[in-house]
Amino acid sequence: MYKNFLKRIIDFTAAAIGFLLLLPVFILTTVFLYFANDGKPFFFQLRPGKNERIFKIIKFKTMNDKTDIDGKLLSDAQRLTATGAFVRKTSLDEIPQLLNILKGEMSLIGPRPLLVEYLPYYRERERLRHTVRPGITGLAQVNGRNHINWDERLELDAQYVENLSFKNDVGILFQTVKNVIGRKDIMVIPGEKFNKLDYDRKQDNG
């Protein structure tokens, strides 16, 4: 009942209320990032959702598009703006994903949607993560986030799906709020660690 019906109702209601309450912050952040990123305050990227259906995730853009003399993008650390760093530290970059929830593409709680290019490299058990809507936060995010390796993260995603319940979602939500307030396990510089899905897997499969 909860997984197939109530969860979606709760997601939509919470996202609608949350977006309205955070609208002033959303607008202010958009304005600051508009100037910091040369008129591009938002970041869009294709991600696999439920049943591996591809959707376009929306986040605040925390890096500019500066390139080197050869036209290649500079490193993540070099492109991260001061405003972007603050937005990441405070997790404000996740706010636009409330729109993904309203559209039915995401959930508040669930496995984080990863890159489309990783799809061929999931093991059978790990594909459980795509049997539910991806979330803004999830079991892996409150148990180390980017500071645990890929195998551990994907195993936690599978465990989340196997034990999906209202009680567990509430626990994850409260732990997320606690972590955000304490700025725990937040990696400010994107791509600093685990920026590819287990290089060894790709080499083994190659």
N, C-alpha and C. Protein backbone atom coordinates (compact mmCIF):
# COMPACT_ATOMS: atom_id res chain seq x y z
N MET A 1 0.82 -1.21 0.00
CA MET A 1 0.00 0.00 0.00
C MET A 1 0.86 1.26 0.00
N TYR A 2 1.85 1.29 0.92
CA TYR A 2 2.71 2.47 1.01
C TYR A 2 3.57 2.60 -0.24
N LYS A 3 4.24 1.51 -0.63
CA LYS A 3 5.17 1.54 -1.76
C LYS A 3 4.47 1.91 -3.07
N ASN A 4 3.29 1.36 -3.30
CA ASN A 4 2.63 1.53 -4.60
C ASN A 4 1.64 2.68 -4.66
N PHE A 5 1.29 3.27 -3.52
CA PHE A 5 0.26 4.31 -3.54
C PHE A 5 0.58 5.50 -2.63
N LEU A 6 0.70 5.25 -1.33
CA LEU A 6 0.86 6.35 -0.38
C LEU A 6 2.17 7.11 -0.54
N LYS A 7 3.22 6.40 -0.90
CA LYS A 7 4.53 7.05 -1.04
C LYS A 7 4.48 8.17 -2.07
N ARG A 8 3.81 7.94 -3.20
CA ARG A 8 3.72 8.95 -4.25
C ARG A 8 2.90 10.15 -3.78
N ILE A 9 1.82 9.89 -3.06
CA ILE A 9 0.99 10.98 -2.55
C ILE A 9 1.77 11.84 -1.56
N ILE A 10 2.50 11.17 -0.67
CA ILE A 10 3.32 11.89 0.32
C ILE A 10 4.41 12.70 -0.39
N ASP A 11 5.05 12.09 -1.38
CA ASP A 11 6.10 12.78 -2.14
C ASP A 11 5.56 14.06 -2.79
N PHE A 12 4.46 13.94 -3.48
CA PHE A 12 3.90 15.09 -4.19
C PHE A 12 3.51 16.20 -3.22
N THR A 13 2.83 15.82 -2.14
CA THR A 13 2.39 16.81 -1.16
C THR A 13 3.57 17.51 -0.49
N ALA A 14 4.55 16.72 -0.06
CA ALA A 14 5.72 17.28 0.62
C ALA A 14 6.53 18.16 -0.33
N ALA A 15 6.68 17.74 -1.59
CA ALA A 15 7.44 18.53 -2.57
C ALA A 15 6.74 19.85 -2.88
N ALA A 16 5.42 19.81 -3.00
CA ALA A 16 4.66 21.03 -3.29
C ALA A 16 4.77 22.03 -2.14
N ILE A 17 4.59 21.53 -0.93
CA ILE A 17 4.69 22.41 0.25
C ILE A 17 6.12 22.91 0.42
N GLY A 18 7.08 22.00 0.26
CA GLY A 18 8.48 22.36 0.42
C GLY A 18 8.92 23.40 -0.59
N PHE A 19 8.48 23.24 -1.84
CA PHE A 19 8.89 24.19 -2.88
C PHE A 19 8.30 25.58 -2.60
N LEU A 20 7.05 25.63 -2.15
CA LEU A 20 6.43 26.91 -1.83
C LEU A 20 7.15 27.60 -0.67
N LEU A 21 7.52 26.82 0.35
CA LEU A 21 8.21 27.39 1.51
C LEU A 21 9.62 27.85 1.14
N LEU A 22 10.25 27.13 0.23
CA LEU A 22 11.62 27.45 -0.16
C LEU A 22 11.71 28.37 -1.37
N LEU A 23 10.56 28.82 -1.88
CA LEU A 23 10.55 29.65 -3.08
C LEU A 23 11.43 30.89 -2.97
N PRO A 24 11.40 31.63 -1.83
CA PRO A 24 12.30 32.80 -1.72
C PRO A 24 13.77 32.40 -1.84
N VAL A 25 14.15 31.28 -1.21
CA VAL A 25 15.53 30.78 -1.28
C VAL A 25 15.84 30.35 -2.70
N PHE A 26 14.88 29.70 -3.34
CA PHE A 26 15.04 29.24 -4.73
C PHE A 26 15.31 30.43 -5.66
N ILE A 27 14.53 31.47 -5.52
CA ILE A 27 14.68 32.65 -6.37
C ILE A 27 16.01 33.34 -6.11
N LEU A 28 16.36 33.52 -4.84
CA LEU A 28 17.60 34.20 -4.47
C LEU A 28 18.82 33.42 -4.99
N THR A 29 18.79 32.11 -4.81
CA THR A 29 19.90 31.27 -5.27
C THR A 29 20.02 31.32 -6.79
N THR A 30 18.88 31.32 -7.46
CA THR A 30 18.86 31.41 -8.92
C THR A 30 19.52 32.69 -9.40
N VAL A 31 19.21 33.81 -8.74
CA VAL A 31 19.77 35.11 -9.12
C VAL A 31 21.29 35.12 -8.93
N PHE A 32 21.76 34.63 -7.78
CA PHE A 32 23.20 34.62 -7.50
C PHE A 32 23.95 33.74 -8.50
N LEU A 33 23.39 32.56 -8.80
CA LEU A 33 24.05 31.64 -9.72
C LEU A 33 23.95 32.13 -11.17
N TYR A 34 22.93 32.91 -11.46
CA TYR A 34 22.80 33.48 -12.80
C TYR A 34 24.03 34.34 -13.12
N PHE A 35 24.43 35.13 -12.15
CA PHE A 35 25.58 36.01 -12.36
C PHE A 35 26.91 35.26 -12.21
N ALA A 36 26.93 34.26 -11.33
CA ALA A 36 28.17 33.51 -11.12
C ALA A 36 28.50 32.60 -12.30
N ASN A 37 27.45 32.14 -13.01
CA ASN A 37 27.66 31.17 -14.10
C ASN A 37 27.27 31.72 -15.47
N ASP A 38 27.45 33.00 -15.65
CA ASP A 38 27.22 33.62 -16.96
C ASP A 38 25.82 33.33 -17.52
N GLY A 39 24.82 33.51 -16.67
CA GLY A 39 23.44 33.37 -17.11
C GLY A 39 22.91 31.96 -17.13
N LYS A 40 23.63 31.02 -16.51
CA LYS A 40 23.18 29.62 -16.47
C LYS A 40 23.08 29.13 -15.03
N PRO A 41 21.95 29.39 -14.36
CA PRO A 41 21.82 29.01 -12.96
C PRO A 41 21.46 27.54 -12.73
N PHE A 42 21.01 26.85 -13.79
CA PHE A 42 20.56 25.47 -13.62
C PHE A 42 21.42 24.48 -14.39
N PHE A 43 21.48 23.28 -13.85
CA PHE A 43 22.22 22.18 -14.44
C PHE A 43 21.24 21.06 -14.78
N PHE A 44 21.24 20.62 -16.02
CA PHE A 44 20.35 19.56 -16.46
C PHE A 44 21.19 18.37 -16.93
N GLN A 45 20.77 17.18 -16.55
CA GLN A 45 21.51 15.99 -16.99
C GLN A 45 20.58 14.79 -17.04
N LEU A 46 20.78 13.95 -18.05
CA LEU A 46 19.96 12.75 -18.19
C LEU A 46 20.37 11.71 -17.15
N ARG A 47 19.39 11.13 -16.48
CA ARG A 47 19.62 10.09 -15.49
C ARG A 47 18.57 8.99 -15.65
N PRO A 48 18.89 7.75 -15.28
CA PRO A 48 17.90 6.68 -15.33
C PRO A 48 17.02 6.70 -14.08
N GLY A 49 15.72 6.58 -14.28
CA GLY A 49 14.78 6.56 -13.17
C GLY A 49 14.18 5.19 -12.98
N LYS A 50 12.94 5.16 -12.53
CA LYS A 50 12.26 3.88 -12.30
C LYS A 50 12.15 3.11 -13.61
N ASN A 51 12.46 1.81 -13.53
CA ASN A 51 12.47 0.93 -14.71
C ASN A 51 13.47 1.40 -15.77
N GLU A 52 14.49 2.12 -15.31
CA GLU A 52 15.57 2.63 -16.15
C GLU A 52 15.07 3.60 -17.22
N ARG A 53 13.93 4.20 -16.96
CA ARG A 53 13.40 5.22 -17.87
C ARG A 53 14.21 6.50 -17.69
N ILE A 54 14.71 7.05 -18.78
CA ILE A 54 15.59 8.23 -18.70
C ILE A 54 14.78 9.51 -18.51
N PHE A 55 15.23 10.33 -17.58
CA PHE A 55 14.61 11.63 -17.35
C PHE A 55 15.71 12.68 -17.18
N LYS A 56 15.34 13.93 -17.16
CA LYS A 56 16.30 15.02 -17.05
C LYS A 56 16.26 15.58 -15.63
N ILE A 57 17.33 15.34 -14.88
CA ILE A 57 17.40 15.83 -13.51
C ILE A 57 17.72 17.33 -13.52
N ILE A 58 17.18 18.06 -12.53
CA ILE A 58 17.39 19.51 -12.44
C ILE A 58 18.11 19.82 -11.13
N LYS A 59 19.23 20.52 -11.23
CA LYS A 59 19.96 20.94 -10.04
C LYS A 59 20.45 22.37 -10.27
N PHE A 60 20.83 23.02 -9.19
CA PHE A 60 21.49 24.32 -9.35
C PHE A 60 22.89 24.07 -9.89
N LYS A 61 23.31 24.90 -10.81
CA LYS A 61 24.63 24.76 -11.44
C LYS A 61 25.68 25.41 -10.54
N THR A 62 26.60 24.62 -10.04
CA THR A 62 27.59 25.13 -9.10
C THR A 62 28.96 25.36 -9.73
N MET A 63 29.10 24.95 -10.99
CA MET A 63 30.38 25.14 -11.69
C MET A 63 30.16 25.94 -12.97
N ASN A 64 31.16 26.74 -13.33
CA ASN A 64 31.08 27.47 -14.60
C ASN A 64 31.57 26.58 -15.74
N ASP A 65 31.61 27.12 -16.94
CA ASP A 65 32.00 26.33 -18.12
C ASP A 65 33.35 26.78 -18.69
N LYS A 66 34.25 27.21 -17.83
CA LYS A 66 35.54 27.70 -18.30
C LYS A 66 36.40 26.55 -18.85
N THR A 67 37.12 26.85 -19.91
CA THR A 67 37.95 25.84 -20.58
C THR A 67 39.41 26.27 -20.63
N ASP A 68 40.28 25.31 -20.98
CA ASP A 68 41.69 25.65 -21.13
C ASP A 68 41.94 26.13 -22.56
N ILE A 69 43.20 26.33 -22.91
CA ILE A 69 43.52 26.88 -24.23
C ILE A 69 43.15 25.92 -25.37
N ASP A 70 42.96 24.65 -25.04
CA ASP A 70 42.58 23.66 -26.05
C ASP A 70 41.07 23.47 -26.15
N GLY A 71 40.33 24.26 -25.35
CA GLY A 71 38.88 24.16 -25.40
C GLY A 71 38.29 23.08 -24.50
N LYS A 72 39.13 22.44 -23.69
CA LYS A 72 38.65 21.40 -22.78
C LYS A 72 38.27 22.02 -21.44
N LEU A 73 37.21 21.48 -20.85
CA LEU A 73 36.78 22.01 -19.56
C LEU A 73 37.88 21.88 -18.52
N LEU A 74 38.01 22.90 -17.69
CA LEU A 74 38.97 22.84 -16.60
C LEU A 74 38.48 21.82 -15.57
N SER A 75 39.31 21.50 -14.60
CA SER A 75 38.94 20.52 -13.57
C SER A 75 37.75 21.04 -12.77
N ASP A 76 37.05 20.12 -12.12
CA ASP A 76 35.90 20.50 -11.30
C ASP A 76 36.28 21.54 -10.24
N ALA A 77 37.43 21.33 -9.60
CA ALA A 77 37.88 22.24 -8.55
C ALA A 77 38.11 23.65 -9.09
N GLN A 78 38.61 23.74 -10.32
CA GLN A 78 38.89 25.05 -10.92
C GLN A 78 37.60 25.75 -11.37
N ARG A 79 36.59 24.97 -11.71
CA ARG A 79 35.34 25.56 -12.21
C ARG A 79 34.30 25.82 -11.12
N LEU A 80 34.55 25.29 -9.92
CA LEU A 80 33.62 25.50 -8.81
C LEU A 80 33.70 26.95 -8.35
N THR A 81 32.58 27.67 -8.43
CA THR A 81 32.56 29.07 -8.04
C THR A 81 32.38 29.20 -6.54
N ALA A 82 32.68 30.38 -6.01
CA ALA A 82 32.50 30.62 -4.57
C ALA A 82 31.04 30.45 -4.18
N THR A 83 30.15 30.97 -5.02
CA THR A 83 28.72 30.82 -4.76
C THR A 83 28.34 29.35 -4.84
N GLY A 84 28.89 28.65 -5.84
CA GLY A 84 28.60 27.24 -6.01
C GLY A 84 29.05 26.41 -4.81
N ALA A 85 30.21 26.74 -4.26
CA ALA A 85 30.73 26.02 -3.10
C ALA A 85 29.78 26.19 -1.91
N PHE A 86 29.27 27.41 -1.72
CA PHE A 86 28.32 27.65 -0.63
C PHE A 86 27.04 26.86 -0.85
N VAL A 87 26.57 26.85 -2.08
CA VAL A 87 25.33 26.14 -2.41
C VAL A 87 25.50 24.64 -2.14
N ARG A 88 26.68 24.10 -2.45
CA ARG A 88 26.93 22.68 -2.19
C ARG A 88 27.03 22.40 -0.68
N LYS A 89 27.74 23.26 0.04
CA LYS A 89 27.92 23.06 1.48
C LYS A 89 26.58 23.03 2.21
N THR A 90 25.66 23.83 1.74
CA THR A 90 24.35 23.93 2.39
C THR A 90 23.31 23.02 1.75
N SER A 91 23.72 22.25 0.73
CA SER A 91 22.83 21.32 0.01
C SER A 91 21.68 22.04 -0.70
N LEU A 92 21.84 23.33 -0.96
CA LEU A 92 20.80 24.07 -1.68
C LEU A 92 20.71 23.63 -3.14
N ASP A 93 21.76 22.99 -3.64
CA ASP A 93 21.75 22.57 -5.05
C ASP A 93 20.69 21.50 -5.32
N GLU A 94 20.16 20.88 -4.24
CA GLU A 94 19.17 19.82 -4.41
C GLU A 94 17.74 20.37 -4.55
N ILE A 95 17.51 21.62 -4.20
CA ILE A 95 16.15 22.18 -4.20
C ILE A 95 15.41 22.00 -5.52
N PRO A 96 16.03 22.28 -6.68
CA PRO A 96 15.29 22.14 -7.94
C PRO A 96 14.74 20.73 -8.19
N GLN A 97 15.31 19.72 -7.52
CA GLN A 97 14.82 18.35 -7.72
C GLN A 97 13.41 18.15 -7.18
N LEU A 98 12.93 19.11 -6.39
CA LEU A 98 11.54 19.06 -5.96
C LEU A 98 10.62 19.11 -7.18
N LEU A 99 11.08 19.78 -8.23
CA LEU A 99 10.31 19.83 -9.47
C LEU A 99 10.28 18.46 -10.14
N ASN A 100 11.38 17.71 -10.04
CA ASN A 100 11.40 16.35 -10.56
C ASN A 100 10.41 15.46 -9.81
N ILE A 101 10.27 15.71 -8.51
CA ILE A 101 9.31 14.94 -7.71
C ILE A 101 7.89 15.27 -8.13
N LEU A 102 7.61 16.55 -8.31
CA LEU A 102 6.27 16.96 -8.72
C LEU A 102 5.90 16.36 -10.07
N LYS A 103 6.89 16.17 -10.94
CA LYS A 103 6.65 15.60 -12.25
C LYS A 103 6.54 14.07 -12.21
N GLY A 104 6.79 13.49 -11.06
CA GLY A 104 6.68 12.04 -10.93
C GLY A 104 7.93 11.28 -11.32
N GLU A 105 9.05 11.98 -11.52
CA GLU A 105 10.29 11.35 -11.95
C GLU A 105 11.15 10.90 -10.79
N MET A 106 10.96 11.54 -9.63
CA MET A 106 11.77 11.23 -8.46
C MET A 106 10.90 11.14 -7.21
N SER A 107 11.54 10.72 -6.13
CA SER A 107 10.90 10.62 -4.82
C SER A 107 11.77 11.38 -3.82
N LEU A 108 11.23 11.69 -2.67
CA LEU A 108 12.05 12.31 -1.63
C LEU A 108 13.13 11.33 -1.18
N ILE A 109 12.72 10.07 -0.95
CA ILE A 109 13.63 9.05 -0.47
C ILE A 109 13.75 7.94 -1.49
N GLY A 110 14.98 7.55 -1.81
CA GLY A 110 15.21 6.48 -2.77
C GLY A 110 16.66 6.47 -3.19
N PRO A 111 17.08 5.50 -3.97
CA PRO A 111 18.46 5.47 -4.46
C PRO A 111 18.76 6.70 -5.32
N ARG A 112 19.90 7.31 -5.12
CA ARG A 112 20.25 8.48 -5.92
C ARG A 112 20.39 8.09 -7.38
N PRO A 113 19.84 8.88 -8.31
CA PRO A 113 19.99 8.55 -9.74
C PRO A 113 21.41 8.84 -10.20
N LEU A 114 22.05 7.85 -10.78
CA LEU A 114 23.42 8.00 -11.24
C LEU A 114 23.45 8.25 -12.75
N LEU A 115 24.62 8.25 -13.33
CA LEU A 115 24.75 8.57 -14.75
C LEU A 115 24.23 7.43 -15.64
N VAL A 116 23.71 7.80 -16.79
CA VAL A 116 23.19 6.82 -17.75
C VAL A 116 24.30 5.88 -18.20
N GLU A 117 25.52 6.39 -18.31
CA GLU A 117 26.63 5.58 -18.82
C GLU A 117 26.99 4.42 -17.91
N TYR A 118 26.49 4.44 -16.66
CA TYR A 118 26.79 3.35 -15.73
C TYR A 118 25.86 2.15 -15.90
N LEU A 119 24.79 2.30 -16.62
CA LEU A 119 23.78 1.24 -16.73
C LEU A 119 24.35 -0.13 -17.11
N PRO A 120 25.27 -0.24 -18.05
CA PRO A 120 25.76 -1.57 -18.43
C PRO A 120 26.58 -2.27 -17.35
N TYR A 121 26.99 -1.55 -16.30
CA TYR A 121 27.93 -2.11 -15.35
C TYR A 121 27.31 -2.54 -14.01
N TYR A 122 25.99 -2.40 -13.87
CA TYR A 122 25.36 -2.85 -12.64
C TYR A 122 25.25 -4.36 -12.61
N ARG A 123 25.47 -4.95 -11.44
CA ARG A 123 25.22 -6.37 -11.25
C ARG A 123 23.71 -6.57 -11.09
N GLU A 124 23.28 -7.82 -11.20
CA GLU A 124 21.84 -8.12 -11.17
C GLU A 124 21.17 -7.58 -9.91
N ARG A 125 21.76 -7.81 -8.76
CA ARG A 125 21.17 -7.34 -7.51
C ARG A 125 21.11 -5.81 -7.46
N GLU A 126 22.12 -5.17 -8.00
CA GLU A 126 22.19 -3.72 -7.96
C GLU A 126 21.10 -3.06 -8.81
N ARG A 127 20.58 -3.81 -9.77
CA ARG A 127 19.52 -3.27 -10.62
C ARG A 127 18.19 -3.11 -9.87
N LEU A 128 18.14 -3.62 -8.65
CA LEU A 128 16.96 -3.39 -7.82
C LEU A 128 16.73 -1.90 -7.61
N ARG A 129 17.81 -1.12 -7.65
CA ARG A 129 17.70 0.32 -7.42
C ARG A 129 16.80 0.99 -8.45
N HIS A 130 16.62 0.37 -9.60
CA HIS A 130 15.79 0.97 -10.65
C HIS A 130 14.36 0.42 -10.67
N THR A 131 13.97 -0.30 -9.61
CA THR A 131 12.59 -0.78 -9.52
C THR A 131 11.72 0.19 -8.73
N VAL A 132 12.34 1.26 -8.23
CA VAL A 132 11.61 2.32 -7.51
C VAL A 132 12.07 3.67 -8.07
N ARG A 133 11.33 4.73 -7.75
CA ARG A 133 11.76 6.06 -8.18
C ARG A 133 13.04 6.45 -7.44
N PRO A 134 13.98 7.08 -8.12
CA PRO A 134 15.19 7.56 -7.45
C PRO A 134 14.84 8.69 -6.50
N GLY A 135 15.70 8.91 -5.51
CA GLY A 135 15.39 9.92 -4.50
C GLY A 135 16.40 11.04 -4.39
N ILE A 136 15.99 12.10 -3.73
CA ILE A 136 16.91 13.20 -3.43
C ILE A 136 17.92 12.73 -2.38
N THR A 137 17.45 11.92 -1.46
CA THR A 137 18.32 11.31 -0.46
C THR A 137 17.93 9.85 -0.31
N GLY A 138 18.80 9.08 0.32
CA GLY A 138 18.51 7.66 0.46
C GLY A 138 19.36 7.02 1.54
N LEU A 139 19.26 5.71 1.63
CA LEU A 139 19.98 4.98 2.67
C LEU A 139 21.49 5.15 2.54
N ALA A 140 21.99 5.14 1.31
CA ALA A 140 23.44 5.30 1.11
C ALA A 140 23.89 6.70 1.50
N GLN A 141 23.04 7.70 1.27
CA GLN A 141 23.41 9.09 1.56
C GLN A 141 23.52 9.35 3.06
N VAL A 142 22.78 8.62 3.88
CA VAL A 142 22.86 8.84 5.33
C VAL A 142 23.83 7.85 5.97
N ASN A 143 24.51 7.08 5.16
CA ASN A 143 25.49 6.12 5.67
C ASN A 143 26.84 6.29 4.99
N GLY A 144 27.23 7.52 4.81
CA GLY A 144 28.55 7.79 4.27
C GLY A 144 28.58 8.59 2.99
N ARG A 145 27.45 8.61 2.28
CA ARG A 145 27.35 9.39 1.04
C ARG A 145 28.51 9.07 0.10
N ASN A 146 29.30 10.05 -0.31
CA ASN A 146 30.39 9.83 -1.26
C ASN A 146 31.66 9.29 -0.62
N HIS A 147 31.62 9.06 0.69
CA HIS A 147 32.82 8.61 1.39
C HIS A 147 32.88 7.10 1.53
N ILE A 148 31.93 6.38 0.96
CA ILE A 148 31.99 4.92 0.92
C ILE A 148 32.15 4.50 -0.54
N ASN A 149 32.67 3.29 -0.76
CA ASN A 149 32.93 2.90 -2.15
C ASN A 149 31.65 2.51 -2.87
N TRP A 150 31.77 2.33 -4.18
CA TRP A 150 30.60 2.08 -5.01
C TRP A 150 29.87 0.80 -4.64
N ASP A 151 30.61 -0.26 -4.36
CA ASP A 151 29.96 -1.52 -4.02
C ASP A 151 29.09 -1.36 -2.77
N GLU A 152 29.60 -0.64 -1.78
CA GLU A 152 28.84 -0.42 -0.54
C GLU A 152 27.61 0.44 -0.81
N ARG A 153 27.77 1.46 -1.60
CA ARG A 153 26.65 2.36 -1.91
C ARG A 153 25.53 1.61 -2.64
N LEU A 154 25.92 0.82 -3.63
CA LEU A 154 24.92 0.11 -4.42
C LEU A 154 24.25 -1.01 -3.61
N GLU A 155 25.00 -1.61 -2.69
CA GLU A 155 24.40 -2.61 -1.81
C GLU A 155 23.37 -1.97 -0.88
N LEU A 156 23.68 -0.79 -0.39
CA LEU A 156 22.72 -0.07 0.46
C LEU A 156 21.46 0.29 -0.33
N ASP A 157 21.63 0.63 -1.60
CA ASP A 157 20.48 0.92 -2.45
C ASP A 157 19.58 -0.32 -2.57
N ALA A 158 20.20 -1.48 -2.77
CA ALA A 158 19.43 -2.73 -2.89
C ALA A 158 18.71 -3.04 -1.58
N GLN A 159 19.40 -2.83 -0.47
CA GLN A 159 18.79 -3.07 0.84
C GLN A 159 17.61 -2.13 1.07
N TYR A 160 17.75 -0.88 0.60
CA TYR A 160 16.65 0.07 0.74
C TYR A 160 15.39 -0.45 0.04
N VAL A 161 15.56 -0.91 -1.19
CA VAL A 161 14.41 -1.40 -1.96
C VAL A 161 13.78 -2.61 -1.29
N GLU A 162 14.61 -3.51 -0.78
CA GLU A 162 14.11 -4.73 -0.15
C GLU A 162 13.34 -4.44 1.14
N ASN A 163 13.70 -3.36 1.81
CA ASN A 163 13.09 -3.03 3.10
C ASN A 163 12.29 -1.73 3.06
N LEU A 164 11.84 -1.34 1.87
CA LEU A 164 11.12 -0.08 1.71
C LEU A 164 9.87 -0.05 2.58
N SER A 165 9.77 0.97 3.41
CA SER A 165 8.60 1.13 4.28
C SER A 165 8.50 2.58 4.72
N PHE A 166 7.34 2.97 5.19
CA PHE A 166 7.13 4.33 5.68
C PHE A 166 8.07 4.63 6.86
N LYS A 167 8.20 3.66 7.76
CA LYS A 167 9.05 3.84 8.94
C LYS A 167 10.49 4.08 8.53
N ASN A 168 11.00 3.29 7.60
CA ASN A 168 12.39 3.46 7.17
C ASN A 168 12.60 4.78 6.44
N ASP A 169 11.61 5.20 5.64
CA ASP A 169 11.72 6.48 4.93
C ASP A 169 11.77 7.64 5.91
N VAL A 170 10.95 7.58 6.95
CA VAL A 170 10.95 8.64 7.96
C VAL A 170 12.30 8.70 8.66
N GLY A 171 12.87 7.53 8.96
CA GLY A 171 14.17 7.49 9.61
C GLY A 171 15.26 8.10 8.74
N ILE A 172 15.22 7.79 7.44
CA ILE A 172 16.20 8.34 6.51
C ILE A 172 16.03 9.85 6.37
N LEU A 173 14.79 10.31 6.34
CA LEU A 173 14.52 11.74 6.22
C LEU A 173 15.08 12.50 7.42
N PHE A 174 14.83 12.00 8.62
CA PHE A 174 15.33 12.69 9.82
C PHE A 174 16.86 12.66 9.87
N GLN A 175 17.47 11.56 9.46
CA GLN A 175 18.92 11.48 9.45
C GLN A 175 19.50 12.42 8.42
N THR A 176 18.80 12.59 7.29
CA THR A 176 19.24 13.52 6.25
C THR A 176 19.25 14.96 6.77
N VAL A 177 18.15 15.34 7.43
CA VAL A 177 18.06 16.69 8.01
C VAL A 177 19.20 16.91 9.00
N LYS A 178 19.45 15.91 9.83
CA LYS A 178 20.53 15.99 10.82
C LYS A 178 21.88 16.16 10.14
N ASN A 179 22.11 15.40 9.06
CA ASN A 179 23.39 15.48 8.35
C ASN A 179 23.57 16.83 7.65
N VAL A 180 22.47 17.34 7.07
CA VAL A 180 22.54 18.63 6.37
C VAL A 180 22.85 19.75 7.36
N ILE A 181 22.18 19.72 8.51
CA ILE A 181 22.43 20.75 9.52
C ILE A 181 23.88 20.67 10.01
N GLY A 182 24.37 19.45 10.19
CA GLY A 182 25.74 19.26 10.66
C GLY A 182 26.76 19.26 9.53
N ARG A 183 26.26 19.40 8.27
CA ARG A 183 27.12 19.39 7.07
C ARG A 183 28.02 18.14 7.06
N LYS A 184 27.43 17.02 7.39
CA LYS A 184 28.17 15.77 7.47
C LYS A 184 28.24 15.08 6.12
N ASP A 185 29.41 14.54 5.78
CA ASP A 185 29.63 13.74 4.56
C ASP A 185 29.35 14.50 3.27
N ILE A 186 29.44 15.83 3.32
CA ILE A 186 29.22 16.62 2.11
C ILE A 186 30.56 16.84 1.40
N MET A 187 30.62 16.44 0.15
CA MET A 187 31.84 16.61 -0.65
C MET A 187 31.67 17.86 -1.51
N VAL A 188 32.36 18.93 -1.16
CA VAL A 188 32.17 20.21 -1.82
C VAL A 188 32.70 20.20 -3.24
N ILE A 189 33.90 19.61 -3.43
CA ILE A 189 34.48 19.59 -4.77
C ILE A 189 33.97 18.37 -5.52
N PRO A 190 33.11 18.55 -6.53
CA PRO A 190 32.57 17.42 -7.26
C PRO A 190 33.66 16.66 -8.00
N GLY A 191 33.50 15.34 -8.06
CA GLY A 191 34.47 14.53 -8.75
C GLY A 191 35.72 14.26 -7.93
N GLU A 192 35.69 14.67 -6.64
CA GLU A 192 36.87 14.51 -5.79
C GLU A 192 37.15 13.03 -5.51
N LYS A 193 36.07 12.22 -5.49
CA LYS A 193 36.24 10.82 -5.17
C LYS A 193 35.14 10.02 -5.83
N PHE A 194 35.47 8.80 -6.32
CA PHE A 194 34.48 7.93 -6.93
C PHE A 194 33.74 8.63 -8.07
N ASN A 195 34.46 9.35 -8.92
CA ASN A 195 33.78 10.05 -10.01
C ASN A 195 33.48 9.15 -11.19
N LYS A 196 33.86 7.85 -11.09
CA LYS A 196 33.50 6.87 -12.10
C LYS A 196 33.02 5.62 -11.37
N LEU A 197 32.13 4.89 -11.98
CA LEU A 197 31.58 3.70 -11.34
C LEU A 197 32.56 2.54 -11.46
N ASP A 198 33.39 2.41 -10.43
CA ASP A 198 34.28 1.28 -10.30
C ASP A 198 35.06 0.99 -11.59
N TYR A 199 36.18 1.67 -11.75
CA TYR A 199 36.99 1.50 -12.95
C TYR A 199 37.32 0.03 -13.22
N ASP A 200 37.55 -0.72 -12.16
CA ASP A 200 37.92 -2.12 -12.32
C ASP A 200 36.82 -2.91 -13.03
N ARG A 201 35.56 -2.55 -12.76
CA ARG A 201 34.46 -3.27 -13.41
C ARG A 201 34.54 -3.06 -14.92
N LYS A 202 34.80 -1.83 -15.32
CA LYS A 202 34.86 -1.53 -16.75
C LYS A 202 36.02 -2.27 -17.40
N GLN A 203 37.13 -2.34 -16.68
CA GLN A 203 38.29 -3.03 -17.23
C GLN A 203 38.02 -4.53 -17.32
N ASP A 204 37.37 -5.09 -16.30
CA ASP A 204 37.04 -6.52 -16.31
C ASP A 204 36.06 -6.86 -17.42
N ASN A 205 35.10 -5.95 -17.66
CA ASN A 205 34.10 -6.21 -18.67
C ASN A 205 34.60 -5.89 -20.08
N GLY A 206 35.72 -5.19 -20.15
CA GLY A 206 36.24 -4.81 -21.44
C GLY A 206 36.96 -5.96 -22.11
